[in-house]
Structures are given as structure tokens and as C-alpha cells.
Amino acid sequence: MTNLLPSPTAGRLAATATTAFAPAVWGTTYVVTTELLPAGHPLFAGLIRALPAGLAALAIGRALPRGRWWLKAAVLGVLNIGVFLPLLFVAAERLPGGVAATLGAVQPLAVAILAVTVLHQRPSAWSFAWGIAGVAGVGLLVIGPDADFDAVGLLAGLGGAGAMAVGVTLTKRWGRPEGVGPTAFAGWQLTAGGLFLLPVTLLFEGAPPTVDASAALGYLWLGLPGGLLAYILWFRGIATLPVTSVAVLTLLSPMVAALLGAVLLDELLTPSQSAGFVLCLAAIVAGQVSPTRATATTTRTKERINQ
């Protein structure tokens, strides 16, 4: 009788594809920030991206934290949302998109290190090697000869990558409470991050900027596909996939940013940029395959050939 149930491989591919949506849509942040949003308000941009989406997710998920999960949700929300988002927008405003994206590409390497120290996984030369390849690929893809290395922007980019790397690792370590779906879980973190940003935004940026039609469109895009939907899929992926495999998917962000530049701004990719694009793609694919699985697949293939 034919087995009509989906195979584990098909389930893994589906989970990877849906999780990849999040960093892909986050790759639009650079063009939206520079082309649509009012300059000089990175905290407000992070607040608008997080808090409305978090409240919507809470209303949909209909579940609040219990016990120690109030503190855990607050910690994860501050790391993944409250610290990461404003630093992302600061880097996007103060650095060329290429430099900011390359700093963000350090995240898979940081997660590979944290997987050893926090999750007590065995060190993986495979993950480290492809993490380095991913950074090199992003550098080739998006850094031009006239790149401006602003000190504040550099610190913001590295700080944002580090905060999210810790947040992703702790999300994997703590898991998700039984009976709580990904929508409610994302709502906890988005709301916690947004509430963290609310007084910080008022203190450092004061009154909100004037929002015209283009800015409203930009904030709507960042808040719905880039906030609510993206984080639901992202946290669901962290729960179901290896943490290093999820982290390497963040390389999709600079790839999408570069493609948008080529499509919207008529920027042709040079040979070195094309090579960087291919290297990033190879790192993403390799990051989904552990050396053990790759060896097992090779062994099975050889056995079939010898039969």
C-alpha cells in the first residue's frame, strides 16, 4: 500500500521554506528605510514594527505567559526585538546597506559559537566553515569600494547581530510552553520588545515624526509582513529546525537587499557580486545539511550504485 504521509525530508523542506520567509522579507528593511521612512527615527521605526504586531498576535493567539515565562518572554523580547530592531535601523541609516548587511551576516557564526557554549552541542567545523563563507559571500555581494565605515553604525550593526544571536539561541534552549502556539509566542516577544522600546523612544526621540502616505506604507509593510507574519514563522522555525540551520537563513536578507537594488535601482551585479551571491546561496544550502546527514546520504548512494 502506498504511503501517502509526507516524508520527513518534505516536512523539513517545508519548515525551512516558511522560516526563510522571515529573513527574506527583512531584507526589504534597507530599501524601505532609505526610500520611504522619515530619517532620524530608528527607535520609532522599531516600535511601530513591534508593538502593534505584538498586540495583534496576542489577540489572535489568546494566551498569556505563566509563571517564569513572564521573565523569559521579557528577556527574549528585549533581545530579539527591543534591542535588535533599533540597532538594525541605526545601522541601516548610518551605513551603506552593504556594510550593514555584512555585519548582520556575522550572526550565523555567533550562533554556531553559542550552540556550543549555551546549548552544549558538539563543535561543528561544518557550521563554522560555511558561516565564514557566508560572511565572505555577503561582503563580495554588497560592499563597494566607496563604503563608509561609520563607527556608530558599525557598533550598531555588530550589537544587533549579537543580540539576535543570543536571542535565537535562548529561544531554542528554552523552547515553547506546552499548548502555546507560535502566534501567541511571537506576540509575547513582540509586545515585550515594543513595551521596552516605548519609553526609550519617547526619551531619546521625543514626539513621533510626521507620517506621510509613503511613510505609512513603509511602516505598514514593516509591521505586517515584516513583523507579525515574519516573526510567527521565524519562531516556529526555531522550534522545529536546528538552530544553526535557522541562523544561516539570515543570509537571505542581504541577498534580497542586493536583488532589490538591482531591480528597483537598475544596479547591475558585477562578476564579484555574482560570485558572492552564489557563495551565499551555497552557504544557506550547506547550512541545512549536517555532516552526518551528508555522509549518510553519500553512503546510501554508493550502496545503490554497487547493488
C-alpha atoms as a PDB file:
ATOM      1  CA  MET A   1       0.000   0.000   0.000  1.00  0.00           C
ATOM      2  CA  THR A   2       1.341   3.418  -0.956  1.00  0.00           C
ATOM      3  CA  ASN A   3       2.310   5.643   1.978  1.00  0.00           C
ATOM      4  CA  LEU A   4       0.523   8.958   1.467  1.00  0.00           C
ATOM      5  CA  LEU A   5       2.010  10.633   4.536  1.00  0.00           C
ATOM      6  CA  PRO A   6       4.603  13.379   3.896  1.00  0.00           C
ATOM      7  CA  SER A   7       8.192  12.236   4.307  1.00  0.00           C
ATOM      8  CA  PRO A   8      10.468  13.737   6.991  1.00  0.00           C
ATOM      9  CA  THR A   9      12.504  15.318   4.198  1.00  0.00           C
ATOM     10  CA  ALA A  10       9.419  17.005   2.743  1.00  0.00           C
ATOM     11  CA  GLY A  11       8.455  18.275   6.194  1.00  0.00           C
ATOM     12  CA  ARG A  12      11.967  19.648   6.724  1.00  0.00           C
ATOM     13  CA  LEU A  13      11.907  21.408   3.360  1.00  0.00           C
ATOM     14  CA  ALA A  14       8.504  22.942   4.085  1.00  0.00           C
ATOM     15  CA  ALA A  15       9.647  24.174   7.506  1.00  0.00           C
ATOM     16  CA  THR A  16      12.815  25.640   6.009  1.00  0.00           C
ATOM     17  CA  ALA A  17      10.897  27.402   3.230  1.00  0.00           C
ATOM     18  CA  THR A  18       8.386  29.011   5.595  1.00  0.00           C
ATOM     19  CA  THR A  19      11.112  30.025   8.044  1.00  0.00           C
ATOM     20  CA  ALA A  20      13.117  31.553   5.186  1.00  0.00           C
ATOM     21  CA  PHE A  21      10.253  33.959   4.515  1.00  0.00           C
ATOM     22  CA  ALA A  22      11.219  35.965   7.612  1.00  0.00           C
ATOM     23  CA  PRO A  23      14.817  36.915   6.700  1.00  0.00           C
ATOM     24  CA  ALA A  24      13.771  37.347   3.070  1.00  0.00           C
ATOM     25  CA  VAL A  25      11.169  39.976   3.964  1.00  0.00           C
ATOM     26  CA  TRP A  26      13.587  41.531   6.470  1.00  0.00           C
ATOM     27  CA  GLY A  27      15.896  42.094   3.509  1.00  0.00           C
ATOM     28  CA  THR A  28      13.478  44.802   2.358  1.00  0.00           C
ATOM     29  CA  THR A  29      14.209  46.838   5.501  1.00  0.00           C
ATOM     30  CA  TYR A  30      17.129  48.688   3.919  1.00  0.00           C
ATOM     31  CA  VAL A  31      15.249  49.961   0.870  1.00  0.00           C
ATOM     32  CA  VAL A  32      12.108  50.746   2.897  1.00  0.00           C
ATOM     33  CA  THR A  33      14.129  52.666   5.500  1.00  0.00           C
ATOM     34  CA  THR A  34      16.054  54.752   2.995  1.00  0.00           C
ATOM     35  CA  GLU A  35      13.274  55.319   0.457  1.00  0.00           C
ATOM     36  CA  LEU A  36      10.052  55.556   2.488  1.00  0.00           C
ATOM     37  CA  LEU A  37      10.648  56.261   6.189  1.00  0.00           C
ATOM     38  CA  PRO A  38      11.471  59.658   7.752  1.00  0.00           C
ATOM     39  CA  ALA A  39      15.169  59.858   8.607  1.00  0.00           C
ATOM     40  CA  GLY A  40      16.432  60.107  12.162  1.00  0.00           C
ATOM     41  CA  HIS A  41      13.793  57.974  13.899  1.00  0.00           C
ATOM     42  CA  PRO A  42      15.182  54.407  14.142  1.00  0.00           C
ATOM     43  CA  LEU A  43      13.623  53.807  17.575  1.00  0.00           C
ATOM     44  CA  PHE A  44      10.181  54.847  16.361  1.00  0.00           C
ATOM     45  CA  ALA A  45      10.551  52.548  13.335  1.00  0.00           C
ATOM     46  CA  GLY A  46      11.374  49.627  15.628  1.00  0.00           C
ATOM     47  CA  LEU A  47       8.475  50.500  17.943  1.00  0.00           C
ATOM     48  CA  ILE A  48       5.946  50.645  15.095  1.00  0.00           C
ATOM     49  CA  ARG A  49       7.237  47.376  13.706  1.00  0.00           C
ATOM     50  CA  ALA A  50       6.952  45.557  17.039  1.00  0.00           C
ATOM     51  CA  LEU A  51       4.201  46.774  19.339  1.00  0.00           C
ATOM     52  CA  PRO A  52       1.116  46.811  17.041  1.00  0.00           C
ATOM     53  CA  ALA A  53       2.123  43.425  15.606  1.00  0.00           C
ATOM     54  CA  GLY A  54       2.622  42.051  19.122  1.00  0.00           C
ATOM     55  CA  LEU A  55      -0.777  43.204  20.341  1.00  0.00           C
ATOM     56  CA  ALA A  56      -2.413  41.744  17.225  1.00  0.00           C
ATOM     57  CA  ALA A  57      -0.642  38.414  17.786  1.00  0.00           C
ATOM     58  CA  LEU A  58      -1.777  38.362  21.437  1.00  0.00           C
ATOM     59  CA  ALA A  59      -5.369  38.943  20.349  1.00  0.00           C
ATOM     60  CA  ILE A  60      -5.144  36.139  17.800  1.00  0.00           C
ATOM     61  CA  GLY A  61      -3.204  33.668  19.980  1.00  0.00           C
ATOM     62  CA  ARG A  62      -5.260  34.298  23.147  1.00  0.00           C
ATOM     63  CA  ALA A  63      -2.583  33.082  25.552  1.00  0.00           C
ATOM     64  CA  LEU A  64      -0.501  34.945  28.121  1.00  0.00           C
ATOM     65  CA  PRO A  65       2.723  33.796  29.792  1.00  0.00           C
ATOM     66  CA  ARG A  66       2.525  31.962  33.094  1.00  0.00           C
ATOM     67  CA  GLY A  67       4.992  31.689  35.953  1.00  0.00           C
ATOM     68  CA  ARG A  68       8.617  32.029  34.938  1.00  0.00           C
ATOM     69  CA  TRP A  69       7.607  32.565  31.324  1.00  0.00           C
ATOM     70  CA  TRP A  70       6.802  36.208  32.098  1.00  0.00           C
ATOM     71  CA  LEU A  71      10.520  36.805  32.714  1.00  0.00           C
ATOM     72  CA  LYS A  72      11.667  34.537  29.875  1.00  0.00           C
ATOM     73  CA  ALA A  73       9.326  36.218  27.386  1.00  0.00           C
ATOM     74  CA  ALA A  74      10.587  39.631  28.504  1.00  0.00           C
ATOM     75  CA  VAL A  75      14.242  38.605  28.063  1.00  0.00           C
ATOM     76  CA  LEU A  76      13.613  37.098  24.622  1.00  0.00           C
ATOM     77  CA  GLY A  77      11.518  40.083  23.558  1.00  0.00           C
ATOM     78  CA  VAL A  78      14.208  42.566  24.546  1.00  0.00           C
ATOM     79  CA  LEU A  79      16.964  40.606  22.777  1.00  0.00           C
ATOM     80  CA  ASN A  80      15.106  39.574  19.618  1.00  0.00           C
ATOM     81  CA  ILE A  81      13.022  42.736  19.248  1.00  0.00           C
ATOM     82  CA  GLY A  82      13.723  45.571  21.686  1.00  0.00           C
ATOM     83  CA  VAL A  83      17.493  45.723  21.169  1.00  0.00           C
ATOM     84  CA  PHE A  84      17.813  44.188  17.703  1.00  0.00           C
ATOM     85  CA  LEU A  85      15.294  46.333  15.787  1.00  0.00           C
ATOM     86  CA  PRO A  86      16.525  49.827  16.745  1.00  0.00           C
ATOM     87  CA  LEU A  87      20.154  48.797  16.199  1.00  0.00           C
ATOM     88  CA  LEU A  88      19.145  47.412  12.801  1.00  0.00           C
ATOM     89  CA  PHE A  89      17.566  50.747  11.827  1.00  0.00           C
ATOM     90  CA  VAL A  90      20.536  52.731  13.196  1.00  0.00           C
ATOM     91  CA  ALA A  91      22.898  50.636  11.079  1.00  0.00           C
ATOM     92  CA  ALA A  92      20.625  50.996   8.045  1.00  0.00           C
ATOM     93  CA  GLU A  93      20.586  54.787   8.433  1.00  0.00           C
ATOM     94  CA  ARG A  94      24.274  55.354   9.195  1.00  0.00           C
ATOM     95  CA  LEU A  95      25.875  52.755   6.913  1.00  0.00           C
ATOM     96  CA  PRO A  96      25.512  51.782   3.290  1.00  0.00           C
ATOM     97  CA  GLY A  97      23.170  48.802   3.073  1.00  0.00           C
ATOM     98  CA  GLY A  98      26.055  46.562   2.062  1.00  0.00           C
ATOM     99  CA  VAL A  99      28.144  47.262   5.151  1.00  0.00           C
ATOM    100  CA  ALA A 100      25.134  46.901   7.450  1.00  0.00           C
ATOM    101  CA  ALA A 101      24.176  43.621   5.793  1.00  0.00           C
ATOM    102  CA  THR A 102      27.688  42.209   6.131  1.00  0.00           C
ATOM    103  CA  LEU A 103      27.716  42.944   9.860  1.00  0.00           C
ATOM    104  CA  GLY A 104      24.385  41.149  10.167  1.00  0.00           C
ATOM    105  CA  ALA A 105      25.873  38.159   8.353  1.00  0.00           C
ATOM    106  CA  VAL A 106      28.107  37.557  11.380  1.00  0.00           C
ATOM    107  CA  GLN A 107      25.051  36.191  13.195  1.00  0.00           C
ATOM    108  CA  PRO A 108      25.345  32.547  11.944  1.00  0.00           C
ATOM    109  CA  LEU A 109      28.921  32.442  13.227  1.00  0.00           C
ATOM    110  CA  ALA A 110      27.841  33.814  16.602  1.00  0.00           C
ATOM    111  CA  VAL A 111      25.043  31.254  16.806  1.00  0.00           C
ATOM    112  CA  ALA A 112      27.477  28.447  15.946  1.00  0.00           C
ATOM    113  CA  ILE A 113      29.632  29.521  18.910  1.00  0.00           C
ATOM    114  CA  LEU A 114      26.641  29.895  21.241  1.00  0.00           C
ATOM    115  CA  ALA A 115      25.329  26.478  20.191  1.00  0.00           C
ATOM    116  CA  VAL A 116      28.480  25.026  21.737  1.00  0.00           C
ATOM    117  CA  THR A 117      28.604  27.180  24.875  1.00  0.00           C
ATOM    118  CA  VAL A 118      24.865  27.524  25.647  1.00  0.00           C
ATOM    119  CA  LEU A 119      23.214  24.512  24.008  1.00  0.00           C
ATOM    120  CA  HIS A 120      26.207  22.216  24.711  1.00  0.00           C
ATOM    121  CA  GLN A 121      26.302  20.946  21.143  1.00  0.00           C
ATOM    122  CA  ARG A 122      29.483  19.455  19.750  1.00  0.00           C
ATOM    123  CA  PRO A 123      31.647  21.975  17.870  1.00  0.00           C
ATOM    124  CA  SER A 124      30.912  21.769  14.148  1.00  0.00           C
ATOM    125  CA  ALA A 125      33.667  22.688  11.714  1.00  0.00           C
ATOM    126  CA  TRP A 126      30.991  22.426   9.003  1.00  0.00           C
ATOM    127  CA  SER A 127      28.872  25.214  10.565  1.00  0.00           C
ATOM    128  CA  PHE A 128      31.877  27.442  11.248  1.00  0.00           C
ATOM    129  CA  ALA A 129      33.288  26.998   7.744  1.00  0.00           C
ATOM    130  CA  TRP A 130      30.021  27.801   5.999  1.00  0.00           C
ATOM    131  CA  GLY A 131      29.385  30.664   8.413  1.00  0.00           C
ATOM    132  CA  ILE A 132      32.692  32.220   7.352  1.00  0.00           C
ATOM    133  CA  ALA A 133      31.830  31.528   3.709  1.00  0.00           C
ATOM    134  CA  GLY A 134      28.503  33.305   4.202  1.00  0.00           C
ATOM    135  CA  VAL A 135      30.184  36.429   5.597  1.00  0.00           C
ATOM    136  CA  ALA A 136      32.654  36.401   2.694  1.00  0.00           C
ATOM    137  CA  GLY A 137      29.822  35.955   0.217  1.00  0.00           C
ATOM    138  CA  VAL A 138      27.855  38.873   1.649  1.00  0.00           C
ATOM    139  CA  GLY A 139      30.989  41.015   1.601  1.00  0.00           C
ATOM    140  CA  LEU A 140      31.536  40.289  -2.089  1.00  0.00           C
ATOM    141  CA  LEU A 141      27.867  40.839  -2.829  1.00  0.00           C
ATOM    142  CA  VAL A 142      27.186  44.154  -1.170  1.00  0.00           C
ATOM    143  CA  ILE A 143      30.317  46.055  -0.120  1.00  0.00           C
ATOM    144  CA  GLY A 144      31.550  48.515  -2.723  1.00  0.00           C
ATOM    145  CA  PRO A 145      34.863  50.409  -2.902  1.00  0.00           C
ATOM    146  CA  ASP A 146      33.215  53.605  -1.599  1.00  0.00           C
ATOM    147  CA  ALA A 147      31.739  52.014   1.532  1.00  0.00           C
ATOM    148  CA  ASP A 148      31.577  54.376   4.518  1.00  0.00           C
ATOM    149  CA  PHE A 149      32.561  52.764   7.829  1.00  0.00           C
ATOM    150  CA  ASP A 150      30.791  54.979  10.359  1.00  0.00           C
ATOM    151  CA  ALA A 151      31.823  53.974  13.911  1.00  0.00           C
ATOM    152  CA  VAL A 152      28.346  54.262  15.448  1.00  0.00           C
ATOM    153  CA  GLY A 153      26.837  52.338  12.544  1.00  0.00           C
ATOM    154  CA  LEU A 154      29.436  49.597  12.870  1.00  0.00           C
ATOM    155  CA  LEU A 155      28.789  49.187  16.593  1.00  0.00           C
ATOM    156  CA  ALA A 156      25.028  49.173  15.982  1.00  0.00           C
ATOM    157  CA  GLY A 157      25.321  46.511  13.279  1.00  0.00           C
ATOM    158  CA  LEU A 158      27.509  44.238  15.386  1.00  0.00           C
ATOM    159  CA  GLY A 159      25.388  44.832  18.501  1.00  0.00           C
ATOM    160  CA  GLY A 160      22.187  43.980  16.653  1.00  0.00           C
ATOM    161  CA  ALA A 161      23.667  40.776  15.235  1.00  0.00           C
ATOM    162  CA  GLY A 162      24.955  39.779  18.666  1.00  0.00           C
ATOM    163  CA  ALA A 163      21.658  40.497  20.434  1.00  0.00           C
ATOM    164  CA  MET A 164      19.650  38.440  17.971  1.00  0.00           C
ATOM    165  CA  ALA A 165      22.195  35.601  18.041  1.00  0.00           C
ATOM    166  CA  VAL A 166      21.791  35.358  21.827  1.00  0.00           C
ATOM    167  CA  GLY A 167      18.024  35.668  21.499  1.00  0.00           C
ATOM    168  CA  VAL A 168      17.789  32.928  18.886  1.00  0.00           C
ATOM    169  CA  THR A 169      19.970  30.607  20.960  1.00  0.00           C
ATOM    170  CA  LEU A 170      17.970  31.176  24.160  1.00  0.00           C
ATOM    171  CA  THR A 171      14.721  30.707  22.220  1.00  0.00           C
ATOM    172  CA  LYS A 172      15.998  27.294  21.167  1.00  0.00           C
ATOM    173  CA  ARG A 173      17.224  26.432  24.669  1.00  0.00           C
ATOM    174  CA  TRP A 174      14.006  27.387  26.466  1.00  0.00           C
ATOM    175  CA  GLY A 175      11.646  26.072  23.793  1.00  0.00           C
ATOM    176  CA  ARG A 176       7.981  26.990  23.859  1.00  0.00           C
ATOM    177  CA  PRO A 177       5.495  26.215  26.662  1.00  0.00           C
ATOM    178  CA  GLU A 178       3.225  23.262  26.017  1.00  0.00           C
ATOM    179  CA  GLY A 179      -0.073  24.288  24.493  1.00  0.00           C
ATOM    180  CA  VAL A 180       1.191  27.700  23.326  1.00  0.00           C
ATOM    181  CA  GLY A 181       1.187  28.212  19.569  1.00  0.00           C
ATOM    182  CA  PRO A 182       3.730  30.173  17.510  1.00  0.00           C
ATOM    183  CA  THR A 183       1.356  33.133  17.103  1.00  0.00           C
ATOM    184  CA  ALA A 184       0.973  33.694  20.859  1.00  0.00           C
ATOM    185  CA  PHE A 185       4.692  33.040  21.395  1.00  0.00           C
ATOM    186  CA  ALA A 186       5.601  35.661  18.788  1.00  0.00           C
ATOM    187  CA  GLY A 187       3.066  38.011  20.378  1.00  0.00           C
ATOM    188  CA  TRP A 188       4.756  37.719  23.768  1.00  0.00           C
ATOM    189  CA  GLN A 189       8.116  38.709  22.352  1.00  0.00           C
ATOM    190  CA  LEU A 190       6.885  41.436  20.003  1.00  0.00           C
ATOM    191  CA  THR A 191       4.841  43.016  22.791  1.00  0.00           C
ATOM    192  CA  ALA A 192       7.684  42.781  25.308  1.00  0.00           C
ATOM    193  CA  GLY A 193      10.111  44.286  22.807  1.00  0.00           C
ATOM    194  CA  GLY A 194       7.642  47.014  21.880  1.00  0.00           C
ATOM    195  CA  LEU A 195       6.947  47.929  25.513  1.00  0.00           C
ATOM    196  CA  PHE A 196      10.710  48.105  26.102  1.00  0.00           C
ATOM    197  CA  LEU A 197      11.051  50.457  23.131  1.00  0.00           C
ATOM    198  CA  LEU A 198       8.141  52.730  24.088  1.00  0.00           C
ATOM    199  CA  PRO A 199       9.794  54.743  26.909  1.00  0.00           C
ATOM    200  CA  VAL A 200      13.203  54.563  25.211  1.00  0.00           C
ATOM    201  CA  THR A 201      11.725  56.070  22.035  1.00  0.00           C
ATOM    202  CA  LEU A 202       9.959  58.868  23.929  1.00  0.00           C
ATOM    203  CA  LEU A 203      13.134  59.639  25.897  1.00  0.00           C
ATOM    204  CA  PHE A 204      15.598  59.777  23.007  1.00  0.00           C
ATOM    205  CA  GLU A 205      13.434  60.771  20.029  1.00  0.00           C
ATOM    206  CA  GLY A 206      10.574  62.691  21.600  1.00  0.00           C
ATOM    207  CA  ALA A 207       7.438  63.220  19.559  1.00  0.00           C
ATOM    208  CA  PRO A 208       6.781  60.875  16.615  1.00  0.00           C
ATOM    209  CA  PRO A 209       7.762  62.124  13.154  1.00  0.00           C
ATOM    210  CA  THR A 210       5.285  63.375  10.590  1.00  0.00           C
ATOM    211  CA  VAL A 211       3.980  60.352   8.715  1.00  0.00           C
ATOM    212  CA  ASP A 212       3.021  60.952   5.101  1.00  0.00           C
ATOM    213  CA  ALA A 213       1.469  58.408   2.723  1.00  0.00           C
ATOM    214  CA  SER A 214       4.789  56.813   1.715  1.00  0.00           C
ATOM    215  CA  ALA A 215       5.944  56.532   5.328  1.00  0.00           C
ATOM    216  CA  ALA A 216       2.609  54.998   6.329  1.00  0.00           C
ATOM    217  CA  LEU A 217       3.021  52.423   3.568  1.00  0.00           C
ATOM    218  CA  GLY A 218       6.539  51.670   4.773  1.00  0.00           C
ATOM    219  CA  TYR A 219       5.501  51.239   8.392  1.00  0.00           C
ATOM    220  CA  LEU A 220       2.573  49.051   7.340  1.00  0.00           C
ATOM    221  CA  TRP A 221       4.881  46.801   5.335  1.00  0.00           C
ATOM    222  CA  LEU A 222       7.391  46.517   8.180  1.00  0.00           C
ATOM    223  CA  GLY A 223       4.665  45.854  10.758  1.00  0.00           C
ATOM    224  CA  LEU A 224       2.524  43.232   8.985  1.00  0.00           C
ATOM    225  CA  PRO A 225       4.621  41.044   6.620  1.00  0.00           C
ATOM    226  CA  GLY A 226       7.903  42.140   8.235  1.00  0.00           C
ATOM    227  CA  GLY A 227       6.661  41.972  11.823  1.00  0.00           C
ATOM    228  CA  LEU A 228       3.577  39.899  12.578  1.00  0.00           C
ATOM    229  CA  LEU A 229       3.840  37.214   9.893  1.00  0.00           C
ATOM    230  CA  ALA A 230       7.628  37.062   9.739  1.00  0.00           C
ATOM    231  CA  TYR A 231       8.127  36.564  13.479  1.00  0.00           C
ATOM    232  CA  ILE A 232       5.404  33.927  13.750  1.00  0.00           C
ATOM    233  CA  LEU A 233       7.142  31.881  11.045  1.00  0.00           C
ATOM    234  CA  TRP A 234      10.604  32.657  12.441  1.00  0.00           C
ATOM    235  CA  PHE A 235       9.903  31.439  15.985  1.00  0.00           C
ATOM    236  CA  ARG A 236       8.082  28.387  14.653  1.00  0.00           C
ATOM    237  CA  GLY A 237      11.175  27.570  12.591  1.00  0.00           C
ATOM    238  CA  ILE A 238      13.480  27.937  15.590  1.00  0.00           C
ATOM    239  CA  ALA A 239      11.347  25.389  17.448  1.00  0.00           C
ATOM    240  CA  THR A 240      11.401  22.804  14.652  1.00  0.00           C
ATOM    241  CA  LEU A 241      14.792  23.207  12.932  1.00  0.00           C
ATOM    242  CA  PRO A 242      18.409  23.047  14.160  1.00  0.00           C
ATOM    243  CA  VAL A 243      19.394  26.462  15.452  1.00  0.00           C
ATOM    244  CA  THR A 244      22.448  26.755  13.181  1.00  0.00           C
ATOM    245  CA  SER A 245      20.296  25.922  10.147  1.00  0.00           C
ATOM    246  CA  VAL A 246      17.879  28.711  11.086  1.00  0.00           C
ATOM    247  CA  ALA A 247      20.666  31.218  11.714  1.00  0.00           C
ATOM    248  CA  VAL A 248      22.269  30.752   8.290  1.00  0.00           C
ATOM    249  CA  LEU A 249      18.944  31.626   6.662  1.00  0.00           C
ATOM    250  CA  THR A 250      19.580  35.239   7.749  1.00  0.00           C
ATOM    251  CA  LEU A 251      21.958  35.462   4.776  1.00  0.00           C
ATOM    252  CA  LEU A 252      18.813  35.799   2.686  1.00  0.00           C
ATOM    253  CA  SER A 253      18.386  39.365   3.974  1.00  0.00           C
ATOM    254  CA  PRO A 254      21.417  40.875   2.195  1.00  0.00           C
ATOM    255  CA  MET A 255      20.705  38.743  -0.869  1.00  0.00           C
ATOM    256  CA  VAL A 256      17.188  40.167  -1.120  1.00  0.00           C
ATOM    257  CA  ALA A 257      18.533  43.670  -0.457  1.00  0.00           C
ATOM    258  CA  ALA A 258      21.010  43.309  -3.326  1.00  0.00           C
ATOM    259  CA  LEU A 259      18.338  41.955  -5.667  1.00  0.00           C
ATOM    260  CA  LEU A 260      16.033  44.855  -4.808  1.00  0.00           C
ATOM    261  CA  GLY A 261      18.837  47.272  -5.605  1.00  0.00           C
ATOM    262  CA  ALA A 262      19.312  45.595  -8.962  1.00  0.00           C
ATOM    263  CA  VAL A 263      15.590  45.571  -9.768  1.00  0.00           C
ATOM    264  CA  LEU A 264      14.466  48.925  -8.340  1.00  0.00           C
ATOM    265  CA  LEU A 265      17.606  50.982  -8.821  1.00  0.00           C
ATOM    266  CA  ASP A 266      18.892  49.374 -12.050  1.00  0.00           C
ATOM    267  CA  GLU A 267      22.129  48.301 -10.365  1.00  0.00           C
ATOM    268  CA  LEU A 268      23.790  45.552 -12.399  1.00  0.00           C
ATOM    269  CA  LEU A 269      25.628  42.890 -10.425  1.00  0.00           C
ATOM    270  CA  THR A 270      29.364  42.777 -11.125  1.00  0.00           C
ATOM    271  CA  PRO A 271      31.166  39.417 -11.549  1.00  0.00           C
ATOM    272  CA  SER A 272      32.419  39.590  -7.944  1.00  0.00           C
ATOM    273  CA  GLN A 273      28.898  40.343  -6.691  1.00  0.00           C
ATOM    274  CA  SER A 274      27.537  37.412  -8.675  1.00  0.00           C
ATOM    275  CA  ALA A 275      30.202  35.195  -7.105  1.00  0.00           C
ATOM    276  CA  GLY A 276      29.190  36.482  -3.671  1.00  0.00           C
ATOM    277  CA  PHE A 277      25.543  35.712  -4.404  1.00  0.00           C
ATOM    278  CA  VAL A 278      26.421  32.126  -5.368  1.00  0.00           C
ATOM    279  CA  LEU A 279      28.612  31.735  -2.268  1.00  0.00           C
ATOM    280  CA  CYS A 280      25.769  32.956  -0.018  1.00  0.00           C
ATOM    281  CA  LEU A 281      23.359  30.548  -1.668  1.00  0.00           C
ATOM    282  CA  ALA A 282      25.820  27.668  -1.205  1.00  0.00           C
ATOM    283  CA  ALA A 283      26.230  28.573   2.492  1.00  0.00           C
ATOM    284  CA  ILE A 284      22.450  28.592   3.001  1.00  0.00           C
ATOM    285  CA  VAL A 285      22.033  25.181   1.332  1.00  0.00           C
ATOM    286  CA  ALA A 286      25.015  23.679   3.158  1.00  0.00           C
ATOM    287  CA  GLY A 287      23.721  25.068   6.443  1.00  0.00           C
ATOM    288  CA  GLN A 288      20.612  22.908   6.111  1.00  0.00           C
ATOM    289  CA  VAL A 289      22.697  19.708   5.886  1.00  0.00           C
ATOM    290  CA  SER A 290      24.697  18.381   8.810  1.00  0.00           C
ATOM    291  CA  PRO A 291      27.940  16.495   8.056  1.00  0.00           C
ATOM    292  CA  THR A 292      26.340  13.330   9.485  1.00  0.00           C
ATOM    293  CA  ARG A 293      23.374  13.551   7.137  1.00  0.00           C
ATOM    294  CA  ALA A 294      25.623  14.350   4.208  1.00  0.00           C
ATOM    295  CA  THR A 295      27.832  11.337   4.960  1.00  0.00           C
ATOM    296  CA  ALA A 296      24.818   9.057   5.348  1.00  0.00           C
ATOM    297  CA  THR A 297      23.391  10.247   2.033  1.00  0.00           C
ATOM    298  CA  THR A 298      26.706   9.632   0.274  1.00  0.00           C
ATOM    299  CA  THR A 299      26.939   6.148   1.784  1.00  0.00           C
ATOM    300  CA  ARG A 300      23.410   5.221   0.662  1.00  0.00           C
ATOM    301  CA  THR A 301      24.156   6.496  -2.836  1.00  0.00           C
ATOM    302  CA  LYS A 302      27.303   4.369  -3.077  1.00  0.00           C
ATOM    303  CA  GLU A 303      25.382   1.304  -1.863  1.00  0.00           C
ATOM    304  CA  ARG A 304      22.770   1.759  -4.591  1.00  0.00           C
ATOM    305  CA  ILE A 305      25.471   2.071  -7.213  1.00  0.00           C
ATOM    306  CA  ASN A 306      27.205  -1.104  -6.032  1.00  0.00           C
ATOM    307  CA  GLN A 307      23.992  -3.159  -5.989  1.00  0.00           C
END
